[in-house]
Amino acid sequence: MFGKGAPLLRLFGFEIRFDLTWLILVSLIVWTLSADYFPDVC
């Protein structure tokens, strides 16, 4: 899981990889914002 991702594409000689850790991190950030920040703003 950590450091081992599925290659997505090569861009200017750099390999872009998808790692499950990023998906978990983004999910936690969105969940936190939707529970705390967004209800207060709207």
N, C-alpha and C. Protein backbone atom coordinates (compact mmCIF):
# COMPACT_ATOMS: atom_id res chain seq x y z
N MET A 1 0.82 -1.18 0.00
CA MET A 1 0.00 0.00 0.00
C MET A 1 0.87 1.25 0.00
N PHE A 2 1.79 1.40 0.92
CA PHE A 2 2.59 2.60 1.00
C PHE A 2 3.77 2.49 0.05
N GLY A 3 3.85 3.44 -0.89
CA GLY A 3 4.95 3.45 -1.84
C GLY A 3 4.74 2.57 -3.05
N LYS A 4 3.74 1.75 -3.04
CA LYS A 4 3.46 0.88 -4.18
C LYS A 4 2.12 1.29 -4.77
N GLY A 5 2.19 1.89 -5.92
CA GLY A 5 0.96 2.33 -6.54
C GLY A 5 0.85 1.79 -7.95
N ALA A 6 -0.31 1.95 -8.50
CA ALA A 6 -0.55 1.53 -9.87
C ALA A 6 -0.14 2.68 -10.80
N PRO A 7 0.68 2.40 -11.78
CA PRO A 7 1.08 3.47 -12.69
C PRO A 7 -0.10 3.96 -13.52
N LEU A 8 -0.25 5.28 -13.59
CA LEU A 8 -1.33 5.87 -14.37
C LEU A 8 -0.82 6.33 -15.73
N LEU A 9 0.24 7.16 -15.72
CA LEU A 9 0.77 7.68 -16.98
C LEU A 9 2.17 8.22 -16.77
N ARG A 10 2.83 8.52 -17.87
CA ARG A 10 4.13 9.17 -17.84
C ARG A 10 3.97 10.57 -18.39
N LEU A 11 4.49 11.55 -17.66
CA LEU A 11 4.38 12.94 -18.06
C LEU A 11 5.76 13.57 -17.98
N PHE A 12 6.29 13.98 -19.11
CA PHE A 12 7.62 14.59 -19.20
C PHE A 12 8.69 13.72 -18.56
N GLY A 13 8.57 12.41 -18.73
CA GLY A 13 9.56 11.49 -18.20
C GLY A 13 9.33 11.06 -16.76
N PHE A 14 8.33 11.63 -16.10
CA PHE A 14 8.01 11.24 -14.73
C PHE A 14 6.81 10.31 -14.73
N GLU A 15 6.88 9.28 -13.91
CA GLU A 15 5.78 8.34 -13.82
C GLU A 15 4.79 8.80 -12.75
N ILE A 16 3.54 8.92 -13.13
CA ILE A 16 2.48 9.31 -12.20
C ILE A 16 1.81 8.02 -11.74
N ARG A 17 1.76 7.83 -10.43
CA ARG A 17 1.18 6.61 -9.86
C ARG A 17 -0.02 6.94 -8.99
N PHE A 18 -0.95 6.01 -8.93
CA PHE A 18 -2.10 6.12 -8.02
C PHE A 18 -1.83 5.23 -6.83
N ASP A 19 -1.96 5.80 -5.65
CA ASP A 19 -1.74 5.04 -4.42
C ASP A 19 -3.02 5.12 -3.58
N LEU A 20 -3.40 4.03 -2.97
CA LEU A 20 -4.61 3.96 -2.16
C LEU A 20 -4.56 4.93 -0.99
N THR A 21 -3.37 5.26 -0.52
CA THR A 21 -3.22 6.19 0.60
C THR A 21 -3.80 7.55 0.26
N TRP A 22 -3.61 8.03 -0.97
CA TRP A 22 -4.15 9.33 -1.37
C TRP A 22 -5.67 9.32 -1.36
N LEU A 23 -6.27 8.23 -1.79
CA LEU A 23 -7.72 8.12 -1.78
C LEU A 23 -8.27 8.18 -0.35
N ILE A 24 -7.62 7.51 0.57
CA ILE A 24 -8.03 7.54 1.98
C ILE A 24 -7.87 8.94 2.55
N LEU A 25 -6.76 9.59 2.26
CA LEU A 25 -6.51 10.93 2.76
C LEU A 25 -7.53 11.94 2.24
N VAL A 26 -7.80 11.90 0.95
CA VAL A 26 -8.79 12.82 0.37
C VAL A 26 -10.18 12.54 0.94
N SER A 27 -10.52 11.29 1.13
CA SER A 27 -11.83 10.94 1.69
C SER A 27 -11.98 11.49 3.11
N LEU A 28 -10.95 11.39 3.91
CA LEU A 28 -11.01 11.93 5.28
C LEU A 28 -11.14 13.45 5.29
N ILE A 29 -10.43 14.12 4.39
CA ILE A 29 -10.52 15.58 4.31
C ILE A 29 -11.92 16.01 3.88
N VAL A 30 -12.48 15.37 2.87
CA VAL A 30 -13.82 15.72 2.40
C VAL A 30 -14.85 15.44 3.48
N TRP A 31 -14.72 14.33 4.17
CA TRP A 31 -15.66 13.98 5.23
C TRP A 31 -15.60 15.01 6.36
N THR A 32 -14.40 15.42 6.75
CA THR A 32 -14.25 16.40 7.81
C THR A 32 -14.84 17.74 7.41
N LEU A 33 -14.59 18.17 6.18
CA LEU A 33 -15.14 19.44 5.72
C LEU A 33 -16.66 19.39 5.63
N SER A 34 -17.20 18.28 5.16
CA SER A 34 -18.65 18.19 5.01
C SER A 34 -19.35 18.13 6.36
N ALA A 35 -18.70 17.61 7.36
CA ALA A 35 -19.32 17.51 8.68
C ALA A 35 -19.18 18.80 9.49
N ASP A 36 -18.08 19.53 9.32
CA ASP A 36 -17.81 20.70 10.17
C ASP A 36 -17.90 22.02 9.44
N TYR A 37 -17.26 22.15 8.32
CA TYR A 37 -17.15 23.46 7.67
C TYR A 37 -18.32 23.82 6.78
N PHE A 38 -18.71 22.93 5.88
CA PHE A 38 -19.75 23.25 4.90
C PHE A 38 -21.12 23.55 5.52
N PRO A 39 -21.57 22.85 6.55
CA PRO A 39 -22.88 23.21 7.13
C PRO A 39 -22.90 24.63 7.72
N ASP A 40 -21.78 25.11 8.22
CA ASP A 40 -21.72 26.46 8.78
C ASP A 40 -21.73 27.52 7.70
N VAL A 41 -21.18 27.21 6.54
CA VAL A 41 -21.07 28.18 5.46
C VAL A 41 -22.40 28.35 4.75
N CYS A 42 -23.10 27.29 4.53
CA CYS A 42 -24.34 27.35 3.75
C CYS A 42 -25.53 27.74 4.59
